[in-house]
Amino acid sequence: MAAPTPSAPSASTYGIGARIALHPMTDRYVDIITTALAATPRPPELELTTSPVSTFIGGPDAAVVRYCADLVAAAAHRADGAHLAAQVLLSRGCPGEVTCTLRHGPWADGEAVAVPDAGVRAWAEWSLYPLLDGQGGGAHMTPIMDAIATARASGLFHSSDHFVTRLAGDVGAILALVATAWLRTGAGVQHVVTHLSLSINSPTQGV
C-alpha cells in the first residue's frame, strides 16, 4: 500500500500571513484608516494585530487575501475620491521571527485564489520573491517568469519596469492574480514573499 500523500501545513504552524499599510493622501487619514479597519468583516480564523506602521493578518491564504482586498476597498470608498496608496506584503513559510515548524513539502496546494471584484480600480506594482535557499539549483527566475507570463495573459498586465510588473484593474482581480502566483510558487518553494504597491485615485494618472 502506498504511503498517503502529506497535506500542506496549516497557517498556524507555517507562518502564513500578510502585512498591509494604508496611506490616504488627505488630512482625514486617521478617520479613513480606523473606519476601514472597523468596517471590514474579520473572519474568526484570522489573527489581526495593528501596529503604528501596519496591520498583520495571519491565517489561511484565501481568507488573508480576501481581507486585504476588502480592507483596501473599504478605505478607498471612505476616501471618497482622495488619493489612496496601500502596501501589501504576503509571506508564507517564514523561517525567521514567526514560530513555525519547517518541514519537507508539499508547502501549498497550488490552487487559484478567488477574490470577488472590489469595485475599486487601481494601478499596482508587483514583485515576487521565491526564497529558494538552495532548492531547485537556485533557479529563482523560473517561477518569477511563470508568474509574469500568467499576468500577461490575465488582462491586468500593463508593463514591466525595474524590479516590478505593473498591473491595472480592479483591486480584487489584482490581489487574486498576485496571491495565486504566490501560492503556486509556494507549492514548490518553502518560503515565498510577494509585495504589492497599490495606487487608487492617483492625481497624475487615473485608471
Protein backbone atom coordinates (compact mmCIF):
# COMPACT_ATOMS: atom_id res chain seq x y z
CA MET A 1 0.00 0.00 0.00
CA ALA A 2 1.35 3.41 -0.97
CA ALA A 3 2.00 5.88 1.81
CA PRO A 4 -0.56 8.70 1.97
CA THR A 5 0.50 11.98 0.39
CA PRO A 6 1.20 14.51 3.15
CA SER A 7 -1.00 17.56 3.22
CA ALA A 8 0.22 21.14 3.15
CA PRO A 9 0.85 22.57 6.63
CA SER A 10 -1.71 24.78 8.31
CA ALA A 11 -1.38 28.55 8.51
CA SER A 12 -0.87 28.45 12.27
CA THR A 13 2.17 26.18 12.00
CA TYR A 14 3.66 27.70 8.88
CA GLY A 15 3.76 31.47 9.27
CA ILE A 16 1.25 32.36 6.55
CA GLY A 17 0.06 35.94 6.56
CA ALA A 18 0.25 39.50 5.35
CA ARG A 19 1.33 42.97 6.35
CA ILE A 20 -0.84 45.77 5.00
CA ALA A 21 -0.46 49.53 5.36
CA LEU A 22 -2.92 52.17 4.12
CA HIS A 23 -1.77 55.66 3.12
CA PRO A 24 -4.67 58.06 2.43
CA MET A 25 -3.35 61.32 0.93
CA THR A 26 -5.70 63.57 2.87
CA ASP A 27 -5.92 65.18 6.29
CA ARG A 28 -8.75 62.71 7.00
CA TYR A 29 -6.25 59.84 7.01
CA VAL A 30 -6.85 58.79 10.62
CA ASP A 31 -10.61 58.53 10.11
CA ILE A 32 -10.19 56.67 6.81
CA ILE A 33 -7.80 54.09 8.25
CA THR A 34 -9.64 53.46 11.52
CA THR A 35 -13.06 53.38 9.87
CA ALA A 36 -11.86 50.94 7.19
CA LEU A 37 -10.39 48.64 9.84
CA ALA A 38 -13.61 48.76 11.86
CA ALA A 39 -15.87 48.24 8.84
CA THR A 40 -14.03 45.30 7.24
CA PRO A 41 -15.51 41.95 8.34
CA ARG A 42 -12.98 39.79 10.17
CA PRO A 43 -13.42 36.04 9.76
CA PRO A 44 -12.85 34.15 13.04
CA GLU A 45 -9.92 32.20 11.58
CA LEU A 46 -7.85 35.37 11.11
CA GLU A 47 -5.42 36.90 13.59
CA LEU A 48 -5.17 40.71 13.35
CA THR A 49 -2.66 42.98 15.06
CA THR A 50 -2.32 46.66 14.20
CA SER A 51 0.95 48.45 14.93
CA PRO A 52 1.99 52.09 14.38
CA VAL A 53 3.22 51.09 10.92
CA SER A 54 0.97 48.34 9.54
CA THR A 55 -1.58 45.64 10.30
CA PHE A 56 -0.57 41.97 10.48
CA ILE A 57 -3.10 39.45 9.20
CA GLY A 58 -2.40 35.79 9.93
CA GLY A 59 -4.44 32.80 8.83
CA PRO A 60 -5.42 30.70 5.80
CA ASP A 61 -4.23 32.04 2.44
CA ALA A 62 -7.61 32.74 0.87
CA ALA A 63 -9.04 34.46 3.96
CA VAL A 64 -5.95 36.66 4.34
CA VAL A 65 -6.10 37.79 0.72
CA ARG A 66 -9.86 38.42 0.79
CA TYR A 67 -9.45 40.52 3.94
CA CYS A 68 -6.74 42.62 2.26
CA ALA A 69 -8.99 43.28 -0.74
CA ASP A 70 -11.95 44.17 1.48
CA LEU A 71 -9.83 46.49 3.63
CA VAL A 72 -8.40 48.37 0.65
CA ALA A 73 -11.87 48.70 -0.88
CA ALA A 74 -13.32 49.99 2.40
CA ALA A 75 -10.56 52.60 2.66
CA ALA A 76 -11.00 53.64 -0.97
CA HIS A 77 -14.75 54.14 -0.54
CA ARG A 78 -14.18 56.09 2.67
CA ALA A 79 -11.53 58.23 0.93
CA ASP A 80 -14.30 59.44 -1.42
CA GLY A 81 -12.06 60.18 -4.38
CA ALA A 82 -8.92 61.15 -2.46
CA HIS A 83 -5.65 59.54 -3.49
CA LEU A 84 -5.05 56.32 -1.56
CA ALA A 85 -1.91 54.19 -1.59
CA ALA A 86 -1.60 50.75 0.00
CA GLN A 87 1.28 48.38 0.58
CA VAL A 88 0.58 44.64 0.83
CA LEU A 89 3.24 42.05 1.69
CA LEU A 90 2.29 38.37 1.63
CA SER A 91 4.61 35.77 3.16
CA ARG A 92 4.42 32.03 3.67
CA GLY A 93 6.87 29.58 5.21
CA CYS A 94 8.82 32.20 7.15
CA PRO A 95 11.83 30.53 8.83
CA GLY A 96 12.58 33.56 10.99
CA GLU A 97 10.78 35.56 13.64
CA VAL A 98 7.45 33.69 13.50
CA THR A 99 7.41 30.40 15.38
CA CYS A 100 6.64 27.76 12.78
CA THR A 101 7.50 24.14 12.16
CA LEU A 102 9.57 23.82 8.99
CA ARG A 103 9.27 20.57 7.07
CA HIS A 104 9.59 18.94 3.68
CA GLY A 105 6.93 19.74 1.07
CA PRO A 106 4.29 19.99 -0.09
CA TRP A 107 4.10 23.57 1.13
CA ALA A 108 0.97 24.73 -0.70
CA ASP A 109 -1.77 23.15 -2.78
CA GLY A 110 -1.12 25.42 -5.77
CA GLU A 111 -4.79 26.21 -6.36
CA ALA A 112 -6.02 29.58 -7.62
CA VAL A 113 -7.20 32.14 -5.07
CA ALA A 114 -10.67 33.53 -5.78
CA VAL A 115 -11.36 37.16 -4.80
CA PRO A 116 -14.55 38.96 -5.88
CA ASP A 117 -14.19 42.26 -7.70
CA ALA A 118 -13.96 45.09 -5.18
CA GLY A 119 -15.46 47.77 -7.42
CA VAL A 120 -12.27 49.81 -7.00
CA ARG A 121 -9.75 50.28 -9.81
CA ALA A 122 -6.05 50.73 -9.15
CA TRP A 123 -2.58 50.88 -10.57
CA ALA A 124 -0.25 48.35 -8.99
CA GLU A 125 3.42 47.43 -8.97
CA TRP A 126 4.15 43.83 -8.07
CA SER A 127 7.26 41.81 -7.18
CA LEU A 128 7.58 38.09 -6.35
CA TYR A 129 10.42 36.59 -4.28
CA PRO A 130 10.86 32.78 -4.21
CA LEU A 131 13.43 32.35 -1.41
CA LEU A 132 14.83 29.07 -2.63
CA ASP A 133 17.63 28.59 -0.05
CA GLY A 134 19.35 26.11 -2.32
CA GLN A 135 16.22 24.44 -3.70
CA GLY A 136 15.89 23.87 -7.43
CA GLY A 137 19.52 24.68 -8.15
CA GLY A 138 18.88 28.34 -7.34
CA ALA A 139 16.74 28.84 -10.48
CA HIS A 140 14.65 31.51 -8.81
CA MET A 141 13.77 33.27 -12.08
CA THR A 142 11.73 30.30 -13.34
CA PRO A 143 8.72 30.82 -11.03
CA ILE A 144 9.03 34.60 -11.45
CA MET A 145 8.87 34.38 -15.24
CA ASP A 146 5.97 31.92 -14.99
CA ALA A 147 4.10 34.42 -12.82
CA ILE A 148 4.78 37.27 -15.27
CA ALA A 149 3.51 35.11 -18.14
CA THR A 150 0.31 34.49 -16.19
CA ALA A 151 -0.05 38.24 -15.58
CA ARG A 152 0.40 38.96 -19.29
CA ALA A 153 -2.42 36.55 -20.12
CA SER A 154 -4.74 37.88 -17.40
CA GLY A 155 -5.77 41.18 -18.95
CA LEU A 156 -4.32 43.01 -15.91
CA PHE A 157 -0.77 43.38 -17.25
CA HIS A 158 0.24 46.92 -18.15
CA SER A 159 4.02 46.97 -18.43
CA SER A 160 7.32 45.86 -16.97
CA ASP A 161 9.73 48.20 -15.22
CA HIS A 162 12.79 47.98 -12.98
CA PHE A 163 12.13 45.31 -10.32
CA VAL A 164 8.32 45.32 -10.81
CA THR A 165 5.49 44.20 -13.04
CA ARG A 166 2.91 46.94 -13.44
CA LEU A 167 -0.77 45.96 -13.32
CA ALA A 168 -4.01 47.89 -13.75
CA GLY A 169 -7.55 46.82 -12.94
CA ASP A 170 -9.92 46.00 -10.11
CA VAL A 171 -8.30 45.63 -6.69
CA GLY A 172 -9.92 42.23 -6.16
CA ALA A 173 -8.69 40.89 -9.51
CA ILE A 174 -5.18 42.22 -8.89
CA LEU A 175 -4.97 40.60 -5.47
CA ALA A 176 -6.34 37.32 -6.85
CA LEU A 177 -3.64 37.28 -9.55
CA VAL A 178 -0.84 38.14 -7.12
CA ALA A 179 -1.99 35.67 -4.47
CA THR A 180 -2.43 32.84 -6.96
CA ALA A 181 1.14 33.29 -8.23
CA TRP A 182 2.36 33.43 -4.62
CA LEU A 183 0.50 30.23 -3.74
CA ARG A 184 1.52 28.34 -6.87
CA THR A 185 5.15 29.28 -6.33
CA GLY A 186 4.74 28.07 -2.75
CA ALA A 187 3.84 24.59 -3.97
CA GLY A 188 7.49 24.05 -4.85
CA VAL A 189 9.32 26.60 -2.70
CA GLN A 190 9.15 26.64 1.08
CA HIS A 191 9.49 30.40 1.72
CA VAL A 192 7.81 32.80 -0.72
CA VAL A 193 7.22 36.53 -0.33
CA THR A 194 5.35 38.83 -2.69
CA HIS A 195 4.97 42.60 -2.48
CA LEU A 196 2.25 44.76 -3.99
CA SER A 197 2.04 48.57 -4.12
CA LEU A 198 -1.42 49.91 -4.98
CA SER A 199 -2.34 53.43 -6.08
CA ILE A 200 -6.02 54.43 -6.23
CA ASN A 201 -7.41 57.77 -7.47
CA SER A 202 -3.93 58.96 -8.42
CA PRO A 203 -3.98 62.65 -9.43
CA THR A 204 -1.26 62.03 -12.03
CA GLN A 205 -2.72 59.10 -13.93
CA GLY A 206 -6.13 57.53 -13.33
CA VAL A 207 -7.41 54.12 -14.35
